[in-house]
Amino acid sequence: MLLSQDMQQAKRFADEQLLLGNDRIALKEYQRVLLFDREGAYREIFLTIASLYDAREETDRALAYYDMAWNAMQGDSIRREITFRKTLCHFTQEQYLLALGELYSLPDSMSADHMKRRQLYLGIAQFGLEDLDASLESFATILDTAGTAAVKAELAVYDKYREKYDPDRLQTMSIFLPGLGQIYGGKPASGINSIMLLAAISTYSYFTIINYSLLDGLLVFTSWFYRYYTGGHRNAYEIGLRRLQEKKQQTYQSLLRIIRKSL
């Protein structure tokens, strides 16, 4: 077992490696210190390790160590900072509901800076969950009148775009009229290809019925037509989903620019 002096030396060595930018070595040494720290003398290392994993974008491990740091550390201020960092990790994973849970765990009475940060993150989480009204309300608490108006306009544009390219809507279009959802979604080549394929299958099935039998024609039609028909409306759904994801990311970046300018 490492003695107290040995742990101090290992901690100093880890700190030196961290300053030198040797994060991998530092991480290994910090974990070694924690393994033998039965008295909890180096509890601040949990946060250091979490930050290292966070910087390496190993979000699951970062979250695990942030949890351990929150339990090990004393003081409301540091625990709030850990909660904010965990929220950012959830944003990285697009786990907006978990992010909300973290934010709602914070007390209602905090410093002005912490309250502003909480409202900012609430607005982001609510936008991620598509709750645009709640998102606007959260942003409005920290923005001036011009900033709030700009955010409102940006969210209104996104809301109209979301309605226009709703994946379920595009899929329904292609269910009732093959190819329509793809064309409406901005992929005319995909839509025309779907129409032509289904038309070719229908034609081939018709000639199979004439030259062979009704059963042969129906077998061809049901097997091939169904395959491309379902593939077509699923493709329409994916087109809508991709368009919304792209627009959502663009809107998110626009919101951040507005917020930076307004704050």
Protein backbone atom coordinates (compact mmCIF):
# COMPACT_ATOMS: atom_id res chain seq x y z
CA MET A 1 0.00 0.00 0.00
CA LEU A 2 1.22 3.51 -0.77
CA LEU A 3 2.41 5.41 2.30
CA SER A 4 1.36 9.03 2.89
CA GLN A 5 4.74 10.30 1.68
CA ASP A 6 4.55 8.11 -1.41
CA MET A 7 1.08 9.47 -2.21
CA GLN A 8 2.35 13.02 -1.84
CA GLN A 9 5.16 12.28 -4.27
CA ALA A 10 2.77 10.60 -6.70
CA LYS A 11 0.43 13.61 -6.46
CA ARG A 12 3.29 16.04 -7.13
CA PHE A 13 4.45 13.96 -10.07
CA ALA A 14 0.89 13.90 -11.49
CA ASP A 15 0.62 17.68 -11.08
CA GLU A 16 3.94 18.17 -12.89
CA GLN A 17 2.86 15.94 -15.75
CA LEU A 18 -0.40 17.84 -16.01
CA LEU A 19 1.47 21.15 -16.28
CA LEU A 20 3.71 19.64 -18.96
CA GLY A 21 0.66 18.56 -20.96
CA ASN A 22 1.21 14.84 -20.38
CA ASP A 23 -2.44 14.24 -19.59
CA ARG A 24 -2.37 10.48 -20.03
CA ILE A 25 0.44 10.02 -17.50
CA ALA A 26 -1.15 12.51 -15.12
CA LEU A 27 -4.49 10.74 -15.33
CA LYS A 28 -2.92 7.39 -14.53
CA GLU A 29 -1.05 8.80 -11.53
CA TYR A 30 -4.09 10.63 -10.17
CA GLN A 31 -6.12 7.43 -10.34
CA ARG A 32 -3.29 5.59 -8.57
CA VAL A 33 -3.35 8.12 -5.73
CA LEU A 34 -7.13 7.81 -5.37
CA LEU A 35 -6.89 4.03 -5.27
CA PHE A 36 -4.84 4.16 -2.06
CA ASP A 37 -6.35 7.33 -0.53
CA ARG A 38 -8.35 5.64 2.24
CA GLU A 39 -8.63 8.83 4.32
CA GLY A 40 -10.02 11.05 1.55
CA ALA A 41 -7.08 13.44 1.77
CA TYR A 42 -7.02 13.96 -2.01
CA ARG A 43 -10.72 14.19 -2.77
CA GLU A 44 -10.14 17.18 -5.10
CA ILE A 45 -8.54 14.74 -7.54
CA PHE A 46 -12.00 13.47 -8.52
CA LEU A 47 -12.72 16.84 -10.11
CA THR A 48 -9.31 16.96 -11.79
CA ILE A 49 -9.84 13.52 -13.34
CA ALA A 50 -13.36 14.45 -14.43
CA SER A 51 -11.99 17.57 -16.14
CA LEU A 52 -9.33 15.52 -17.90
CA TYR A 53 -11.87 13.05 -19.25
CA ASP A 54 -14.12 15.96 -20.20
CA ALA A 55 -11.30 17.58 -22.20
CA ARG A 56 -10.72 14.26 -23.97
CA GLU A 57 -14.45 14.10 -24.79
CA GLU A 58 -14.83 10.84 -22.88
CA THR A 59 -18.14 12.09 -21.58
CA ASP A 60 -19.41 8.97 -19.80
CA ARG A 61 -16.25 8.71 -17.72
CA ALA A 62 -16.27 12.45 -17.08
CA LEU A 63 -19.83 12.23 -15.76
CA ALA A 64 -18.94 9.33 -13.48
CA TYR A 65 -16.07 11.28 -11.92
CA TYR A 66 -18.14 14.46 -11.69
CA ASP A 67 -20.64 12.46 -9.65
CA MET A 68 -17.87 11.22 -7.37
CA ALA A 69 -16.47 14.76 -7.11
CA TRP A 70 -19.88 16.14 -6.17
CA ASN A 71 -20.18 13.59 -3.35
CA ALA A 72 -16.60 14.07 -2.19
CA MET A 73 -16.32 17.86 -2.32
CA GLN A 74 -17.64 20.23 0.33
CA GLY A 75 -19.08 23.67 -0.32
CA ASP A 76 -22.12 24.84 -2.26
CA SER A 77 -20.15 26.86 -4.79
CA ILE A 78 -17.96 23.98 -6.00
CA ARG A 79 -20.94 21.61 -6.09
CA ARG A 80 -22.85 24.07 -8.26
CA GLU A 81 -19.90 24.32 -10.63
CA ILE A 82 -19.82 20.52 -10.88
CA THR A 83 -23.56 20.52 -11.65
CA PHE A 84 -23.04 23.03 -14.45
CA ARG A 85 -20.23 20.93 -15.90
CA LYS A 86 -22.41 17.81 -15.77
CA THR A 87 -25.11 19.76 -17.61
CA LEU A 88 -22.64 20.60 -20.38
CA CYS A 89 -21.73 16.91 -20.64
CA HIS A 90 -25.41 16.05 -21.08
CA PHE A 91 -25.63 18.68 -23.80
CA THR A 92 -22.73 16.99 -25.59
CA GLN A 93 -24.68 13.72 -25.53
CA GLU A 94 -27.94 15.50 -26.46
CA GLN A 95 -29.44 14.20 -23.22
CA TYR A 96 -31.50 17.32 -22.64
CA LEU A 97 -33.89 15.77 -20.13
CA LEU A 98 -30.97 14.74 -17.91
CA ALA A 99 -29.59 18.26 -18.29
CA LEU A 100 -32.91 19.67 -17.05
CA GLY A 101 -32.76 17.35 -14.06
CA GLU A 102 -29.35 18.74 -13.13
CA LEU A 103 -30.51 22.33 -13.51
CA TYR A 104 -33.69 21.80 -11.50
CA SER A 105 -31.59 20.37 -8.67
CA LEU A 106 -29.94 23.77 -8.20
CA PRO A 107 -31.38 26.03 -5.47
CA ASP A 108 -33.52 29.02 -6.33
CA SER A 109 -31.26 31.30 -4.31
CA MET A 110 -27.80 31.65 -5.87
CA SER A 111 -25.40 34.35 -6.94
CA ALA A 112 -26.41 36.51 -9.92
CA ASP A 113 -23.79 34.84 -12.13
CA HIS A 114 -24.98 31.36 -11.22
CA MET A 115 -28.63 32.33 -11.78
CA LYS A 116 -27.79 33.77 -15.20
CA ARG A 117 -25.87 30.63 -16.12
CA ARG A 118 -28.74 28.44 -14.94
CA GLN A 119 -31.27 30.32 -17.07
CA LEU A 120 -28.97 30.15 -20.10
CA TYR A 121 -28.58 26.39 -19.77
CA LEU A 122 -32.31 25.99 -19.13
CA GLY A 123 -33.06 27.78 -22.39
CA ILE A 124 -30.65 25.51 -24.26
CA ALA A 125 -32.06 22.33 -22.70
CA GLN A 126 -35.65 23.37 -23.42
CA PHE A 127 -34.75 24.20 -27.01
CA GLY A 128 -33.14 20.77 -27.31
CA LEU A 129 -36.41 19.24 -26.10
CA GLU A 130 -38.36 21.30 -28.69
CA ASP A 131 -40.17 23.27 -25.97
CA LEU A 132 -39.74 26.59 -27.75
CA ASP A 133 -42.07 28.65 -25.53
CA ALA A 134 -40.29 27.59 -22.35
CA SER A 135 -36.93 28.16 -24.02
CA LEU A 136 -37.87 31.71 -24.92
CA GLU A 137 -39.07 32.40 -21.38
CA SER A 138 -35.76 31.20 -19.94
CA PHE A 139 -33.67 33.23 -22.36
CA ALA A 140 -35.82 36.32 -21.79
CA THR A 141 -34.84 36.40 -18.10
CA ILE A 142 -31.19 37.09 -18.98
CA LEU A 143 -31.46 39.07 -22.24
CA ASP A 144 -32.34 42.67 -22.96
CA THR A 145 -35.39 43.60 -25.03
CA ALA A 146 -33.53 43.50 -28.34
CA GLY A 147 -31.95 40.16 -27.55
CA THR A 148 -35.27 38.64 -26.52
CA ALA A 149 -36.90 39.87 -29.74
CA ALA A 150 -34.08 38.40 -31.81
CA VAL A 151 -34.38 35.03 -30.04
CA LYS A 152 -38.15 35.06 -30.49
CA ALA A 153 -37.77 35.71 -34.23
CA GLU A 154 -35.18 32.94 -34.58
CA LEU A 155 -37.38 30.43 -32.75
CA ALA A 156 -40.39 31.42 -34.88
CA VAL A 157 -38.42 30.68 -38.05
CA TYR A 158 -37.36 27.32 -36.67
CA ASP A 159 -40.93 26.50 -35.64
CA LYS A 160 -42.23 27.12 -39.18
CA TYR A 161 -39.38 25.08 -40.64
CA ARG A 162 -40.13 22.29 -38.17
CA GLU A 163 -43.77 22.22 -39.26
CA LYS A 164 -42.91 22.30 -42.95
CA TYR A 165 -40.37 19.48 -42.88
CA ASP A 166 -41.90 17.38 -40.12
CA PRO A 167 -40.63 13.81 -40.78
CA ASP A 168 -44.04 12.27 -40.09
CA ARG A 169 -45.62 14.68 -42.55
CA LEU A 170 -43.14 13.83 -45.31
CA GLN A 171 -43.59 10.12 -44.64
CA THR A 172 -47.37 10.43 -44.85
CA MET A 173 -47.03 12.26 -48.18
CA SER A 174 -45.02 9.39 -49.63
CA ILE A 175 -47.46 6.83 -48.23
CA PHE A 176 -50.37 8.40 -50.10
CA LEU A 177 -48.37 9.39 -53.20
CA PRO A 178 -45.01 7.64 -53.61
CA GLY A 179 -42.14 10.08 -54.16
CA LEU A 180 -44.06 13.17 -53.02
CA GLY A 181 -42.45 13.36 -49.58
CA GLN A 182 -38.94 13.18 -51.04
CA ILE A 183 -39.72 15.85 -53.62
CA TYR A 184 -41.32 18.15 -51.04
CA GLY A 185 -38.36 17.54 -48.73
CA GLY A 186 -35.97 18.92 -51.34
CA LYS A 187 -34.76 15.64 -52.84
CA PRO A 188 -36.51 15.52 -56.25
CA ALA A 189 -34.09 12.96 -57.69
CA SER A 190 -34.92 10.53 -54.87
CA GLY A 191 -38.65 11.13 -55.33
CA ILE A 192 -38.57 10.68 -59.11
CA ASN A 193 -36.45 7.56 -58.72
CA SER A 194 -39.03 6.14 -56.30
CA ILE A 195 -41.88 6.89 -58.71
CA MET A 196 -40.05 5.34 -61.65
CA LEU A 197 -39.14 2.21 -59.73
CA LEU A 198 -42.69 1.64 -58.56
CA ALA A 199 -44.04 2.34 -62.04
CA ALA A 200 -41.57 -0.16 -63.53
CA ILE A 201 -42.54 -2.81 -60.97
CA SER A 202 -46.23 -2.24 -61.65
CA THR A 203 -45.66 -2.51 -65.41
CA TYR A 204 -43.56 -5.66 -65.07
CA SER A 205 -46.22 -7.21 -62.80
CA TYR A 206 -48.91 -6.40 -65.38
CA PHE A 207 -47.01 -8.13 -68.18
CA THR A 208 -46.27 -11.08 -65.90
CA ILE A 209 -50.01 -11.50 -65.33
CA ILE A 210 -50.68 -11.38 -69.09
CA ASN A 211 -47.87 -13.76 -70.09
CA TYR A 212 -47.98 -16.16 -67.14
CA SER A 213 -50.69 -16.03 -64.51
CA LEU A 214 -52.42 -13.77 -62.04
CA LEU A 215 -50.65 -15.50 -59.16
CA ASP A 216 -47.19 -14.95 -60.69
CA GLY A 217 -47.97 -11.31 -61.34
CA LEU A 218 -49.25 -10.73 -57.81
CA LEU A 219 -46.22 -12.43 -56.30
CA VAL A 220 -43.90 -10.13 -58.26
CA PHE A 221 -45.98 -7.08 -57.41
CA THR A 222 -46.37 -7.70 -53.68
CA SER A 223 -42.74 -8.66 -53.05
CA TRP A 224 -41.01 -5.93 -55.06
CA PHE A 225 -43.58 -3.15 -54.86
CA TYR A 226 -43.92 -3.40 -51.08
CA ARG A 227 -40.15 -3.35 -50.66
CA TYR A 228 -39.62 -0.15 -52.63
CA TYR A 229 -42.88 1.44 -51.48
CA THR A 230 -41.95 1.15 -47.79
CA GLY A 231 -38.37 2.09 -48.58
CA GLY A 232 -39.63 5.25 -50.28
CA HIS A 233 -41.68 6.59 -47.40
CA ARG A 234 -38.98 5.65 -44.90
CA ASN A 235 -36.55 7.61 -47.04
CA ALA A 236 -38.92 10.59 -46.92
CA TYR A 237 -38.95 10.37 -43.11
CA GLU A 238 -35.13 10.31 -43.01
CA ILE A 239 -34.96 13.33 -45.31
CA GLY A 240 -37.21 15.31 -42.97
CA LEU A 241 -35.22 14.17 -39.93
CA ARG A 242 -31.89 15.23 -41.47
CA ARG A 243 -33.27 18.60 -42.54
CA LEU A 244 -34.57 19.30 -39.05
CA GLN A 245 -31.30 18.24 -37.42
CA GLU A 246 -29.35 20.57 -39.70
CA LYS A 247 -31.77 23.47 -39.11
CA LYS A 248 -31.74 22.84 -35.38
CA GLN A 249 -27.96 23.06 -35.29
CA GLN A 250 -28.03 26.27 -37.35
CA THR A 251 -30.66 27.76 -35.03
CA TYR A 252 -28.65 26.75 -31.98
CA GLN A 253 -25.58 28.56 -33.33
CA SER A 254 -27.70 31.63 -34.15
CA LEU A 255 -29.11 31.65 -30.62
CA LEU A 256 -25.63 31.53 -29.13
CA ARG A 257 -24.53 34.48 -31.29
CA ILE A 258 -27.56 36.49 -30.21
CA ILE A 259 -26.95 35.65 -26.54
CA ARG A 260 -23.24 36.57 -26.71
CA LYS A 261 -24.14 39.89 -28.31
CA SER A 262 -26.91 40.66 -25.82
CA LEU A 263 -25.18 39.70 -22.58
